[in-house]
Amino acid sequence: MNDHDKIIDLESRLTYMDDTVEQLNQIVSEQQLKIDFLERQLKQIASDYNEFKEQLAPDIVDTKPPHY
């Protein structure tokens, strides 16, 4: 394998790696959007839960029974 062939091989590998990195970047970006969405949903659910808990039984306190 001469130097020219080695350069062509390296350029091909670099192009493949660039494409792979771009695909991985796209996947990570999509996952981050999903994580952000799920975090917002979780915060909303926790807020709704606390509101409902206060509305339904404001005098009930979440504590462990005495035998614990």
PDB file of N, CA and C in Angstrom:
ATOM      1  N   MET A   1       0.857  -1.169   0.000  1.00  0.00           N
ATOM      2  CA  MET A   1       0.000   0.000   0.000  1.00  0.00           C
ATOM      3  C   MET A   1       0.906   1.237   0.000  1.00  0.00           C
ATOM      4  N   ASN A   2       0.732   2.056  -1.011  1.00  0.00           N
ATOM      5  CA  ASN A   2       1.573   3.252  -1.092  1.00  0.00           C
ATOM      6  C   ASN A   2       0.940   4.400  -0.294  1.00  0.00           C
ATOM      7  N   ASP A   3       1.650   5.508  -0.226  1.00  0.00           N
ATOM      8  CA  ASP A   3       1.193   6.654   0.569  1.00  0.00           C
ATOM      9  C   ASP A   3      -0.136   7.212   0.058  1.00  0.00           C
ATOM     10  N   HIS A   4      -0.316   7.247  -1.240  1.00  0.00           N
ATOM     11  CA  HIS A   4      -1.554   7.756  -1.815  1.00  0.00           C
ATOM     12  C   HIS A   4      -2.755   6.904  -1.373  1.00  0.00           C
ATOM     13  N   ASP A   5      -2.593   5.599  -1.406  1.00  0.00           N
ATOM     14  CA  ASP A   5      -3.664   4.696  -0.982  1.00  0.00           C
ATOM     15  C   ASP A   5      -3.956   4.846   0.516  1.00  0.00           C
ATOM     16  N   LYS A   6      -2.900   5.058   1.290  1.00  0.00           N
ATOM     17  CA  LYS A   6      -3.074   5.252   2.732  1.00  0.00           C
ATOM     18  C   LYS A   6      -3.861   6.539   3.015  1.00  0.00           C
ATOM     19  N   ILE A   7      -3.555   7.576   2.284  1.00  0.00           N
ATOM     20  CA  ILE A   7      -4.264   8.845   2.456  1.00  0.00           C
ATOM     21  C   ILE A   7      -5.729   8.692   2.080  1.00  0.00           C
ATOM     22  N   ILE A   8      -5.991   8.007   0.981  1.00  0.00           N
ATOM     23  CA  ILE A   8      -7.374   7.781   0.552  1.00  0.00           C
ATOM     24  C   ILE A   8      -8.117   6.964   1.606  1.00  0.00           C
ATOM     25  N   ASP A   9      -7.455   5.944   2.145  1.00  0.00           N
ATOM     26  CA  ASP A   9      -8.075   5.123   3.179  1.00  0.00           C
ATOM     27  C   ASP A   9      -8.376   5.962   4.432  1.00  0.00           C
ATOM     28  N   LEU A  10      -7.433   6.783   4.830  1.00  0.00           N
ATOM     29  CA  LEU A  10      -7.641   7.641   6.000  1.00  0.00           C
ATOM     30  C   LEU A  10      -8.758   8.654   5.761  1.00  0.00           C
ATOM     31  N   GLU A  11      -8.825   9.223   4.591  1.00  0.00           N
ATOM     32  CA  GLU A  11      -9.896  10.165   4.267  1.00  0.00           C
ATOM     33  C   GLU A  11     -11.257   9.475   4.295  1.00  0.00           C
ATOM     34  N   SER A  12     -11.294   8.252   3.792  1.00  0.00           N
ATOM     35  CA  SER A  12     -12.551   7.491   3.818  1.00  0.00           C
ATOM     36  C   SER A  12     -12.979   7.206   5.249  1.00  0.00           C
ATOM     37  N   ARG A  13     -12.032   6.809   6.073  1.00  0.00           N
ATOM     38  CA  ARG A  13     -12.342   6.538   7.478  1.00  0.00           C
ATOM     39  C   ARG A  13     -12.799   7.806   8.191  1.00  0.00           C
ATOM     40  N   LEU A  14     -12.148   8.915   7.912  1.00  0.00           N
ATOM     41  CA  LEU A  14     -12.517  10.184   8.531  1.00  0.00           C
ATOM     42  C   LEU A  14     -13.931  10.590   8.126  1.00  0.00           C
ATOM     43  N   THR A  15     -14.248  10.411   6.867  1.00  0.00           N
ATOM     44  CA  THR A  15     -15.595  10.733   6.389  1.00  0.00           C
ATOM     45  C   THR A  15     -16.629   9.857   7.087  1.00  0.00           C
ATOM     46  N   TYR A  16     -16.333   8.577   7.226  1.00  0.00           N
ATOM     47  CA  TYR A  16     -17.243   7.660   7.912  1.00  0.00           C
ATOM     48  C   TYR A  16     -17.400   8.069   9.374  1.00  0.00           C
ATOM     49  N   MET A  17     -16.297   8.412  10.019  1.00  0.00           N
ATOM     50  CA  MET A  17     -16.344   8.821  11.421  1.00  0.00           C
ATOM     51  C   MET A  17     -17.125  10.127  11.589  1.00  0.00           C
ATOM     52  N   ASP A  18     -16.944  11.067  10.676  1.00  0.00           N
ATOM     53  CA  ASP A  18     -17.706  12.318  10.731  1.00  0.00           C
ATOM     54  C   ASP A  18     -19.204  12.043  10.640  1.00  0.00           C
ATOM     55  N   ASP A  19     -19.573  11.148   9.754  1.00  0.00           N
ATOM     56  CA  ASP A  19     -20.978  10.788   9.597  1.00  0.00           C
ATOM     57  C   ASP A  19     -21.513  10.123  10.865  1.00  0.00           C
ATOM     58  N   THR A  20     -20.719   9.241  11.437  1.00  0.00           N
ATOM     59  CA  THR A  20     -21.121   8.562  12.663  1.00  0.00           C
ATOM     60  C   THR A  20     -21.285   9.550  13.812  1.00  0.00           C
ATOM     61  N   VAL A  21     -20.357  10.478  13.944  1.00  0.00           N
ATOM     62  CA  VAL A  21     -20.438  11.488  14.996  1.00  0.00           C
ATOM     63  C   VAL A  21     -21.677  12.357  14.798  1.00  0.00           C
ATOM     64  N   GLU A  22     -21.980  12.709  13.583  1.00  0.00           N
ATOM     65  CA  GLU A  22     -23.166  13.520  13.302  1.00  0.00           C
ATOM     66  C   GLU A  22     -24.445  12.762  13.664  1.00  0.00           C
ATOM     67  N   GLN A  23     -24.488  11.475  13.342  1.00  0.00           N
ATOM     68  CA  GLN A  23     -25.651  10.662  13.699  1.00  0.00           C
ATOM     69  C   GLN A  23     -25.803  10.554  15.213  1.00  0.00           C
ATOM     70  N   LEU A  24     -24.687  10.345  15.903  1.00  0.00           N
ATOM     71  CA  LEU A  24     -24.727  10.258  17.362  1.00  0.00           C
ATOM     72  C   LEU A  24     -25.151  11.591  17.973  1.00  0.00           C
ATOM     73  N   ASN A  25     -24.680  12.671  17.417  1.00  0.00           N
ATOM     74  CA  ASN A  25     -25.070  13.993  17.904  1.00  0.00           C
ATOM     75  C   ASN A  25     -26.570  14.216  17.743  1.00  0.00           C
ATOM     76  N   GLN A  26     -27.115  13.786  16.638  1.00  0.00           N
ATOM     77  CA  GLN A  26     -28.554  13.909  16.394  1.00  0.00           C
ATOM     78  C   GLN A  26     -29.338  13.096  17.419  1.00  0.00           C
ATOM     79  N   ILE A  27     -28.874  11.887  17.687  1.00  0.00           N
ATOM     80  CA  ILE A  27     -29.553  11.022  18.649  1.00  0.00           C
ATOM     81  C   ILE A  27     -29.497  11.633  20.050  1.00  0.00           C
ATOM     82  N   VAL A  28     -28.337  12.140  20.436  1.00  0.00           N
ATOM     83  CA  VAL A  28     -28.190  12.759  21.755  1.00  0.00           C
ATOM     84  C   VAL A  28     -29.090  13.986  21.868  1.00  0.00           C
ATOM     85  N   SER A  29     -29.174  14.764  20.806  1.00  0.00           N
ATOM     86  CA  SER A  29     -30.043  15.948  20.821  1.00  0.00           C
ATOM     87  C   SER A  29     -31.510  15.545  20.989  1.00  0.00           C
ATOM     88  N   GLU A  30     -31.938  14.529  20.274  1.00  0.00           N
ATOM     89  CA  GLU A  30     -33.318  14.051  20.394  1.00  0.00           C
ATOM     90  C   GLU A  30     -33.590  13.522  21.795  1.00  0.00           C
ATOM     91  N   GLN A  31     -32.626  12.786  22.352  1.00  0.00           N
ATOM     92  CA  GLN A  31     -32.799  12.260  23.702  1.00  0.00           C
ATOM     93  C   GLN A  31     -32.894  13.395  24.724  1.00  0.00           C
ATOM     94  N   GLN A  32     -32.103  14.440  24.547  1.00  0.00           N
ATOM     95  CA  GLN A  32     -32.152  15.562  25.473  1.00  0.00           C
ATOM     96  C   GLN A  32     -33.517  16.251  25.426  1.00  0.00           C
ATOM     97  N   LEU A  33     -34.070  16.385  24.225  1.00  0.00           N
ATOM     98  CA  LEU A  33     -35.406  16.953  24.115  1.00  0.00           C
ATOM     99  C   LEU A  33     -36.436  16.099  24.850  1.00  0.00           C
ATOM    100  N   LYS A  34     -36.320  14.775  24.711  1.00  0.00           N
ATOM    101  CA  LYS A  34     -37.237  13.875  25.404  1.00  0.00           C
ATOM    102  C   LYS A  34     -37.052  13.970  26.914  1.00  0.00           C
ATOM    103  N   ILE A  35     -35.815  14.039  27.374  1.00  0.00           N
ATOM    104  CA  ILE A  35     -35.545  14.158  28.807  1.00  0.00           C
ATOM    105  C   ILE A  35     -36.139  15.453  29.349  1.00  0.00           C
ATOM    106  N   ASP A  36     -35.943  16.546  28.628  1.00  0.00           N
ATOM    107  CA  ASP A  36     -36.509  17.832  29.048  1.00  0.00           C
ATOM    108  C   ASP A  36     -38.027  17.751  29.152  1.00  0.00           C
ATOM    109  N   PHE A  37     -38.657  17.139  28.160  1.00  0.00           N
ATOM    110  CA  PHE A  37     -40.113  16.982  28.154  1.00  0.00           C
ATOM    111  C   PHE A  37     -40.568  16.142  29.347  1.00  0.00           C
ATOM    112  N   LEU A  38     -39.872  15.033  29.593  1.00  0.00           N
ATOM    113  CA  LEU A  38     -40.255  14.154  30.696  1.00  0.00           C
ATOM    114  C   LEU A  38     -40.046  14.831  32.050  1.00  0.00           C
ATOM    115  N   GLU A  39     -38.991  15.631  32.176  1.00  0.00           N
ATOM    116  CA  GLU A  39     -38.777  16.360  33.427  1.00  0.00           C
ATOM    117  C   GLU A  39     -39.900  17.366  33.674  1.00  0.00           C
ATOM    118  N   ARG A  40     -40.334  18.049  32.627  1.00  0.00           N
ATOM    119  CA  ARG A  40     -41.460  18.984  32.778  1.00  0.00           C
ATOM    120  C   ARG A  40     -42.725  18.242  33.184  1.00  0.00           C
ATOM    121  N   GLN A  41     -42.968  17.089  32.559  1.00  0.00           N
ATOM    122  CA  GLN A  41     -44.149  16.297  32.911  1.00  0.00           C
ATOM    123  C   GLN A  41     -44.083  15.828  34.358  1.00  0.00           C
ATOM    124  N   LEU A  42     -42.919  15.368  34.783  1.00  0.00           N
ATOM    125  CA  LEU A  42     -42.767  14.885  36.152  1.00  0.00           C
ATOM    126  C   LEU A  42     -43.003  16.005  37.159  1.00  0.00           C
ATOM    127  N   LYS A  43     -42.485  17.190  36.885  1.00  0.00           N
ATOM    128  CA  LYS A  43     -42.715  18.326  37.777  1.00  0.00           C
ATOM    129  C   LYS A  43     -44.197  18.665  37.841  1.00  0.00           C
ATOM    130  N   GLN A  44     -44.876  18.606  36.708  1.00  0.00           N
ATOM    131  CA  GLN A  44     -46.310  18.898  36.679  1.00  0.00           C
ATOM    132  C   GLN A  44     -47.087  17.851  37.462  1.00  0.00           C
ATOM    133  N   ILE A  45     -46.727  16.590  37.295  1.00  0.00           N
ATOM    134  CA  ILE A  45     -47.413  15.512  38.019  1.00  0.00           C
ATOM    135  C   ILE A  45     -47.185  15.668  39.520  1.00  0.00           C
ATOM    136  N   ALA A  46     -45.971  15.982  39.936  1.00  0.00           N
ATOM    137  CA  ALA A  46     -45.689  16.173  41.359  1.00  0.00           C
ATOM    138  C   ALA A  46     -46.480  17.352  41.907  1.00  0.00           C
ATOM    139  N   SER A  47     -46.563  18.409  41.139  1.00  0.00           N
ATOM    140  CA  SER A  47     -47.336  19.579  41.564  1.00  0.00           C
ATOM    141  C   SER A  47     -48.823  19.233  41.680  1.00  0.00           C
ATOM    142  N   ASP A  48     -49.343  18.550  40.681  1.00  0.00           N
ATOM    143  CA  ASP A  48     -50.748  18.135  40.716  1.00  0.00           C
ATOM    144  C   ASP A  48     -51.018  17.222  41.912  1.00  0.00           C
ATOM    145  N   TYR A  49     -50.105  16.300  42.174  1.00  0.00           N
ATOM    146  CA  TYR A  49     -50.262  15.376  43.301  1.00  0.00           C
ATOM    147  C   TYR A  49     -50.348  16.148  44.619  1.00  0.00           C
ATOM    148  N   ASN A  50     -49.432  17.093  44.809  1.00  0.00           N
ATOM    149  CA  ASN A  50     -49.437  17.867  46.046  1.00  0.00           C
ATOM    150  C   ASN A  50     -50.706  18.694  46.195  1.00  0.00           C
ATOM    151  N   GLU A  51     -51.185  19.261  45.093  1.00  0.00           N
ATOM    152  CA  GLU A  51     -52.439  20.029  45.138  1.00  0.00           C
ATOM    153  C   GLU A  51     -53.622  19.138  45.501  1.00  0.00           C
ATOM    154  N   PHE A  52     -53.712  17.976  44.861  1.00  0.00           N
ATOM    155  CA  PHE A  52     -54.815  17.059  45.140  1.00  0.00           C
ATOM    156  C   PHE A  52     -54.751  16.553  46.580  1.00  0.00           C
ATOM    157  N   LYS A  53     -53.552  16.241  47.038  1.00  0.00           N
ATOM    158  CA  LYS A  53     -53.387  15.748  48.404  1.00  0.00           C
ATOM    159  C   LYS A  53     -53.862  16.795  49.402  1.00  0.00           C
ATOM    160  N   GLU A  54     -53.520  18.043  49.168  1.00  0.00           N
ATOM    161  CA  GLU A  54     -53.947  19.120  50.060  1.00  0.00           C
ATOM    162  C   GLU A  54     -55.454  19.348  49.990  1.00  0.00           C
ATOM    163  N   GLN A  55     -56.031  19.220  48.814  1.00  0.00           N
ATOM    164  CA  GLN A  55     -57.472  19.425  48.658  1.00  0.00           C
ATOM    165  C   GLN A  55     -58.283  18.304  49.295  1.00  0.00           C
ATOM    166  N   LEU A  56     -57.814  17.080  49.159  1.00  0.00           N
ATOM    167  CA  LEU A  56     -58.585  15.936  49.636  1.00  0.00           C
ATOM    168  C   LEU A  56     -58.460  15.715  51.139  1.00  0.00           C
ATOM    169  N   ALA A  57     -57.281  15.907  51.665  1.00  0.00           N
ATOM    170  CA  ALA A  57     -57.071  15.644  53.084  1.00  0.00           C
ATOM    171  C   ALA A  57     -56.012  16.595  53.638  1.00  0.00           C
ATOM    172  N   PRO A  58     -56.353  17.844  53.865  1.00  0.00           N
ATOM    173  CA  PRO A  58     -55.346  18.801  54.329  1.00  0.00           C
ATOM    174  C   PRO A  58     -54.827  18.518  55.734  1.00  0.00           C
ATOM    175  N   ASP A  59     -55.601  17.787  56.554  1.00  0.00           N
ATOM    176  CA  ASP A  59     -55.181  17.521  57.929  1.00  0.00           C
ATOM    177  C   ASP A  59     -54.358  16.243  58.071  1.00  0.00           C
ATOM    178  N   ILE A  60     -54.293  15.440  57.033  1.00  0.00           N
ATOM    179  CA  ILE A  60     -53.543  14.189  57.100  1.00  0.00           C
ATOM    180  C   ILE A  60     -52.077  14.469  56.807  1.00  0.00           C
ATOM    181  N   VAL A  61     -51.225  13.967  57.679  1.00  0.00           N
ATOM    182  CA  VAL A  61     -49.790  14.165  57.512  1.00  0.00           C
ATOM    183  C   VAL A  61     -49.171  12.822  57.140  1.00  0.00           C
ATOM    184  N   ASP A  62     -48.312  12.810  56.148  1.00  0.00           N
ATOM    185  CA  ASP A  62     -47.636  11.574  55.744  1.00  0.00           C
ATOM    186  C   ASP A  62     -46.491  11.295  56.713  1.00  0.00           C
ATOM    187  N   THR A  63     -46.771  10.463  57.713  1.00  0.00           N
ATOM    188  CA  THR A  63     -45.723  10.043  58.652  1.00  0.00           C
ATOM    189  C   THR A  63     -45.775   8.540  58.803  1.00  0.00           C
ATOM    190  N   LYS A  64     -44.656   7.986  59.260  1.00  0.00           N
ATOM    191  CA  LYS A  64     -44.606   6.545  59.471  1.00  0.00           C
ATOM    192  C   LYS A  64     -45.392   6.200  60.731  1.00  0.00           C
ATOM    193  N   PRO A  65     -45.989   5.030  60.760  1.00  0.00           N
ATOM    194  CA  PRO A  65     -46.686   4.598  61.976  1.00  0.00           C
ATOM    195  C   PRO A  65     -45.689   4.484  63.138  1.00  0.00           C
ATOM    196  N   PRO A  66     -46.174   4.542  64.356  1.00  0.00           N
ATOM    197  CA  PRO A  66     -45.273   4.527  65.522  1.00  0.00           C
ATOM    198  C   PRO A  66     -44.434   3.263  65.651  1.00  0.00           C
ATOM    199  N   HIS A  67     -44.888   2.146  65.107  1.00  0.00           N
ATOM    200  CA  HIS A  67     -44.129   0.896  65.279  1.00  0.00           C
ATOM    201  C   HIS A  67     -42.928   0.810  64.327  1.00  0.00           C
ATOM    202  N   TYR A  68     -42.695   1.816  63.491  1.00  0.00           N
ATOM    203  CA  TYR A  68     -41.520   1.798  62.616  1.00  0.00           C
ATOM    204  C   TYR A  68     -40.425   2.519  63.286  1.00  0.00           C
TER     205      TYR A  68
END
